[in-house]
């Protein structure tokens, strides 16, 4: 298994086993940036929260 493939938080939730991201075969995957849209959503929210704390 490649270490470049991240674990999927959606498929792993509630499971005892971490499941890997299926990349292009997943509805949440954004091919243009090669990232999961859930990751992008969380990352953007974190960036926004960080900016608000600095104000």
PDB file of N, CA and C in Angstrom:
ATOM      1  N   UNK A   1       0.849  -1.181   0.000  1.00  0.00           N
ATOM      2  CA  UNK A   1       0.000   0.000   0.000  1.00  0.00           C
ATOM      3  C   UNK A   1       0.893   1.241   0.000  1.00  0.00           C
ATOM      4  N   UNK A   2       0.541   2.201  -0.817  1.00  0.00           N
ATOM      5  CA  UNK A   2       1.316   3.427  -0.926  1.00  0.00           C
ATOM      6  C   UNK A   2       1.011   4.360   0.242  1.00  0.00           C
ATOM      7  N   UNK A   3       2.055   5.003   0.764  1.00  0.00           N
ATOM      8  CA  UNK A   3       1.861   5.940   1.870  1.00  0.00           C
ATOM      9  C   UNK A   3       1.284   7.256   1.370  1.00  0.00           C
ATOM     10  N   UNK A   4       1.220   7.444   0.038  1.00  0.00           N
ATOM     11  CA  UNK A   4       0.678   8.669  -0.537  1.00  0.00           C
ATOM     12  C   UNK A   4      -0.847   8.685  -0.524  1.00  0.00           C
ATOM     13  N   UNK A   5      -1.469   7.520  -0.362  1.00  0.00           N
ATOM     14  CA  UNK A   5      -2.930   7.440  -0.381  1.00  0.00           C
ATOM     15  C   UNK A   5      -3.446   7.668   1.038  1.00  0.00           C
ATOM     16  N   UNK A   6      -4.235   8.729   1.241  1.00  0.00           N
ATOM     17  CA  UNK A   6      -4.724   9.041   2.593  1.00  0.00           C
ATOM     18  C   UNK A   6      -5.866   8.122   3.027  1.00  0.00           C
ATOM     19  N   UNK A   7      -6.101   8.091   4.322  1.00  0.00           N
ATOM     20  CA  UNK A   7      -7.252   7.370   4.846  1.00  0.00           C
ATOM     21  C   UNK A   7      -8.508   8.196   4.620  1.00  0.00           C
ATOM     22  N   UNK A   8      -9.613   7.540   4.374  1.00  0.00           N
ATOM     23  CA  UNK A   8     -10.884   8.224   4.145  1.00  0.00           C
ATOM     24  C   UNK A   8     -11.628   8.362   5.468  1.00  0.00           C
ATOM     25  N   UNK A   9     -11.834   9.596   5.942  1.00  0.00           N
ATOM     26  CA  UNK A   9     -12.544   9.766   7.211  1.00  0.00           C
ATOM     27  C   UNK A   9     -14.017   9.368   7.115  1.00  0.00           C
ATOM     28  N   UNK A  10     -14.615   9.503   5.929  1.00  0.00           N
ATOM     29  CA  UNK A  10     -16.029   9.149   5.770  1.00  0.00           C
ATOM     30  C   UNK A  10     -16.248   7.644   5.833  1.00  0.00           C
ATOM     31  N   UNK A  11     -15.427   6.875   5.107  1.00  0.00           N
ATOM     32  CA  UNK A  11     -15.581   5.420   5.101  1.00  0.00           C
ATOM     33  C   UNK A  11     -15.041   4.791   6.379  1.00  0.00           C
ATOM     34  N   UNK A  12     -14.102   5.466   7.046  1.00  0.00           N
ATOM     35  CA  UNK A  12     -13.494   4.920   8.258  1.00  0.00           C
ATOM     36  C   UNK A  12     -14.320   5.204   9.512  1.00  0.00           C
ATOM     37  N   UNK A  13     -15.216   6.178   9.436  1.00  0.00           N
ATOM     38  CA  UNK A  13     -16.021   6.556  10.608  1.00  0.00           C
ATOM     39  C   UNK A  13     -16.850   5.371  11.103  1.00  0.00           C
ATOM     40  N   UNK A  14     -16.740   5.102  12.382  1.00  0.00           N
ATOM     41  CA  UNK A  14     -17.514   4.031  12.993  1.00  0.00           C
ATOM     42  C   UNK A  14     -16.946   2.645  12.742  1.00  0.00           C
ATOM     43  N   UNK A  15     -15.805   2.574  12.084  1.00  0.00           N
ATOM     44  CA  UNK A  15     -15.177   1.290  11.781  1.00  0.00           C
ATOM     45  C   UNK A  15     -13.920   1.133  12.612  1.00  0.00           C
ATOM     46  N   UNK A  16     -13.599  -0.098  12.952  1.00  0.00           N
ATOM     47  CA  UNK A  16     -12.367  -0.362  13.707  1.00  0.00           C
ATOM     48  C   UNK A  16     -11.140  -0.319  12.804  1.00  0.00           C
ATOM     49  N   UNK A  17     -11.369  -0.345  11.496  1.00  0.00           N
ATOM     50  CA  UNK A  17     -10.273  -0.379  10.531  1.00  0.00           C
ATOM     51  C   UNK A  17     -10.297   0.893   9.698  1.00  0.00           C
ATOM     52  N   UNK A  18      -9.146   1.564   9.587  1.00  0.00           N
ATOM     53  CA  UNK A  18      -9.043   2.741   8.729  1.00  0.00           C
ATOM     54  C   UNK A  18      -9.059   2.290   7.278  1.00  0.00           C
ATOM     55  N   UNK A  19      -9.927   2.915   6.483  1.00  0.00           N
ATOM     56  CA  UNK A  19     -10.044   2.557   5.068  1.00  0.00           C
ATOM     57  C   UNK A  19      -9.400   3.643   4.229  1.00  0.00           C
ATOM     58  N   UNK A  20      -8.715   3.234   3.168  1.00  0.00           N
ATOM     59  CA  UNK A  20      -8.012   4.203   2.336  1.00  0.00           C
ATOM     60  C   UNK A  20      -8.963   4.870   1.357  1.00  0.00           C
ATOM     61  N   UNK A  21      -8.576   6.054   0.944  1.00  0.00           N
ATOM     62  CA  UNK A  21      -9.330   6.821  -0.044  1.00  0.00           C
ATOM     63  C   UNK A  21      -9.280   6.085  -1.387  1.00  0.00           C
ATOM     64  N   UNK A  22     -10.384   6.079  -2.102  1.00  0.00           N
ATOM     65  CA  UNK A  22     -10.416   5.409  -3.404  1.00  0.00           C
ATOM     66  C   UNK A  22     -10.090   6.373  -4.542  1.00  0.00           C
ATOM     67  N   UNK A  23      -9.668   7.587  -4.166  1.00  0.00           N
ATOM     68  CA  UNK A  23      -9.230   8.610  -5.113  1.00  0.00           C
ATOM     69  C   UNK A  23     -10.254   8.854  -6.219  1.00  0.00           C
ATOM     70  N   UNK A  24      -9.895   8.658  -7.484  1.00  0.00           N
ATOM     71  CA  UNK A  24     -10.770   9.012  -8.619  1.00  0.00           C
ATOM     72  C   UNK A  24     -12.104   8.283  -8.614  1.00  0.00           C
ATOM     73  N   UNK A  25     -12.189   7.167  -7.919  1.00  0.00           N
ATOM     74  CA  UNK A  25     -13.446   6.404  -7.887  1.00  0.00           C
ATOM     75  C   UNK A  25     -14.428   6.914  -6.834  1.00  0.00           C
ATOM     76  N   UNK A  26     -14.014   7.932  -6.070  1.00  0.00           N
ATOM     77  CA  UNK A  26     -14.859   8.469  -5.001  1.00  0.00           C
ATOM     78  C   UNK A  26     -15.601   9.722  -5.469  1.00  0.00           C
ATOM     79  N   UNK A  27     -16.856   9.834  -5.085  1.00  0.00           N
ATOM     80  CA  UNK A  27     -17.670  10.996  -5.462  1.00  0.00           C
ATOM     81  C   UNK A  27     -17.152  12.278  -4.810  1.00  0.00           C
ATOM     82  N   UNK A  28     -16.424  12.157  -3.714  1.00  0.00           N
ATOM     83  CA  UNK A  28     -15.921  13.333  -2.997  1.00  0.00           C
ATOM     84  C   UNK A  28     -14.569  13.803  -3.517  1.00  0.00           C
ATOM     85  N   UNK A  29     -13.945  13.040  -4.407  1.00  0.00           N
ATOM     86  CA  UNK A  29     -12.605  13.357  -4.906  1.00  0.00           C
ATOM     87  C   UNK A  29     -12.663  14.434  -5.978  1.00  0.00           C
ATOM     88  N   UNK A  30     -11.770  15.428  -5.873  1.00  0.00           N
ATOM     89  CA  UNK A  30     -11.696  16.513  -6.857  1.00  0.00           C
ATOM     90  C   UNK A  30     -10.425  16.289  -7.696  1.00  0.00           C
ATOM     91  N   UNK A  31     -10.584  15.778  -8.932  1.00  0.00           N
ATOM     92  CA  UNK A  31      -9.414  15.420  -9.748  1.00  0.00           C
ATOM     93  C   UNK A  31      -8.466  16.582 -10.034  1.00  0.00           C
ATOM     94  N   UNK A  32      -8.990  17.782 -10.216  1.00  0.00           N
ATOM     95  CA  UNK A  32      -8.138  18.919 -10.582  1.00  0.00           C
ATOM     96  C   UNK A  32      -7.102  19.260  -9.508  1.00  0.00           C
ATOM     97  N   UNK A  33      -7.416  19.001  -8.248  1.00  0.00           N
ATOM     98  CA  UNK A  33      -6.469  19.273  -7.163  1.00  0.00           C
ATOM     99  C   UNK A  33      -5.979  17.994  -6.486  1.00  0.00           C
ATOM    100  N   UNK A  34      -6.501  16.860  -6.937  1.00  0.00           N
ATOM    101  CA  UNK A  34      -6.124  15.547  -6.404  1.00  0.00           C
ATOM    102  C   UNK A  34      -6.296  15.464  -4.895  1.00  0.00           C
ATOM    103  N   UNK A  35      -7.433  15.999  -4.429  1.00  0.00           N
ATOM    104  CA  UNK A  35      -7.747  15.972  -3.002  1.00  0.00           C
ATOM    105  C   UNK A  35      -9.223  15.634  -2.806  1.00  0.00           C
ATOM    106  N   UNK A  36      -9.528  15.158  -1.632  1.00  0.00           N
ATOM    107  CA  UNK A  36     -10.909  14.889  -1.242  1.00  0.00           C
ATOM    108  C   UNK A  36     -11.589  16.215  -0.912  1.00  0.00           C
ATOM    109  N   UNK A  37     -12.810  16.393  -1.370  1.00  0.00           N
ATOM    110  CA  UNK A  37     -13.509  17.651  -1.099  1.00  0.00           C
ATOM    111  C   UNK A  37     -13.769  17.830   0.396  1.00  0.00           C
ATOM    112  N   UNK A  38     -13.892  16.736   1.138  1.00  0.00           N
ATOM    113  CA  UNK A  38     -14.063  16.835   2.595  1.00  0.00           C
ATOM    114  C   UNK A  38     -12.796  17.404   3.229  1.00  0.00           C
ATOM    115  N   UNK A  39     -11.634  16.978   2.733  1.00  0.00           N
ATOM    116  CA  UNK A  39     -10.370  17.521   3.217  1.00  0.00           C
ATOM    117  C   UNK A  39     -10.297  19.012   2.901  1.00  0.00           C
ATOM    118  N   UNK A  40     -10.666  19.380   1.695  1.00  0.00           N
ATOM    119  CA  UNK A  40     -10.603  20.776   1.287  1.00  0.00           C
ATOM    120  C   UNK A  40     -11.548  21.628   2.123  1.00  0.00           C
ATOM    121  N   UNK A  41     -12.730  21.128   2.402  1.00  0.00           N
ATOM    122  CA  UNK A  41     -13.699  21.843   3.229  1.00  0.00           C
ATOM    123  C   UNK A  41     -13.131  22.080   4.631  1.00  0.00           C
ATOM    124  N   UNK A  42     -12.572  21.040   5.228  1.00  0.00           N
ATOM    125  CA  UNK A  42     -12.010  21.152   6.572  1.00  0.00           C
ATOM    126  C   UNK A  42     -10.796  22.087   6.585  1.00  0.00           C
ATOM    127  N   UNK A  43      -9.954  21.981   5.574  1.00  0.00           N
ATOM    128  CA  UNK A  43      -8.762  22.824   5.496  1.00  0.00           C
ATOM    129  C   UNK A  43      -9.151  24.298   5.370  1.00  0.00           C
ATOM    130  N   UNK A  44     -10.117  24.588   4.517  1.00  0.00           N
ATOM    131  CA  UNK A  44     -10.576  25.975   4.342  1.00  0.00           C
ATOM    132  C   UNK A  44     -11.190  26.518   5.627  1.00  0.00           C
ATOM    133  N   UNK A  45     -11.950  25.693   6.333  1.00  0.00           N
ATOM    134  CA  UNK A  45     -12.557  26.120   7.594  1.00  0.00           C
ATOM    135  C   UNK A  45     -11.471  26.416   8.628  1.00  0.00           C
ATOM    136  N   UNK A  46     -10.434  25.601   8.654  1.00  0.00           N
ATOM    137  CA  UNK A  46      -9.324  25.822   9.579  1.00  0.00           C
ATOM    138  C   UNK A  46      -8.580  27.111   9.253  1.00  0.00           C
ATOM    139  N   UNK A  47      -8.356  27.342   7.968  1.00  0.00           N
ATOM    140  CA  UNK A  47      -7.682  28.578   7.545  1.00  0.00           C
ATOM    141  C   UNK A  47      -8.509  29.797   7.947  1.00  0.00           C
ATOM    142  N   UNK A  48      -9.808  29.724   7.733  1.00  0.00           N
ATOM    143  CA  UNK A  48     -10.699  30.843   8.068  1.00  0.00           C
ATOM    144  C   UNK A  48     -10.709  31.079   9.584  1.00  0.00           C
ATOM    145  N   UNK A  49     -10.753  30.008  10.370  1.00  0.00           N
ATOM    146  CA  UNK A  49     -10.746  30.147  11.818  1.00  0.00           C
ATOM    147  C   UNK A  49      -9.431  30.762  12.291  1.00  0.00           C
ATOM    148  N   UNK A  50      -8.333  30.362  11.680  1.00  0.00           N
ATOM    149  CA  UNK A  50      -7.024  30.906  12.033  1.00  0.00           C
ATOM    150  C   UNK A  50      -6.965  32.406  11.729  1.00  0.00           C
ATOM    151  N   UNK A  51      -7.498  32.795  10.583  1.00  0.00           N
ATOM    152  CA  UNK A  51      -7.514  34.216  10.229  1.00  0.00           C
ATOM    153  C   UNK A  51      -8.366  35.029  11.199  1.00  0.00           C
ATOM    154  N   UNK A  52      -9.491  34.473  11.620  1.00  0.00           N
ATOM    155  CA  UNK A  52     -10.371  35.177  12.566  1.00  0.00           C
ATOM    156  C   UNK A  52      -9.699  35.348  13.922  1.00  0.00           C
ATOM    157  N   UNK A  53      -8.910  34.352  14.329  1.00  0.00           N
ATOM    158  CA  UNK A  53      -8.230  34.452  15.619  1.00  0.00           C
ATOM    159  C   UNK A  53      -7.163  35.524  15.603  1.00  0.00           C
ATOM    160  N   UNK A  54      -6.571  35.781  14.455  1.00  0.00           N
ATOM    161  CA  UNK A  54      -5.507  36.785  14.334  1.00  0.00           C
ATOM    162  C   UNK A  54      -6.062  38.211  14.371  1.00  0.00           C
ATOM    163  N   UNK A  55      -7.355  38.386  14.132  1.00  0.00           N
ATOM    164  CA  UNK A  55      -7.962  39.724  14.109  1.00  0.00           C
ATOM    165  C   UNK A  55      -8.201  40.256  15.496  1.00  0.00           C
TER     166      UNK A  55
END
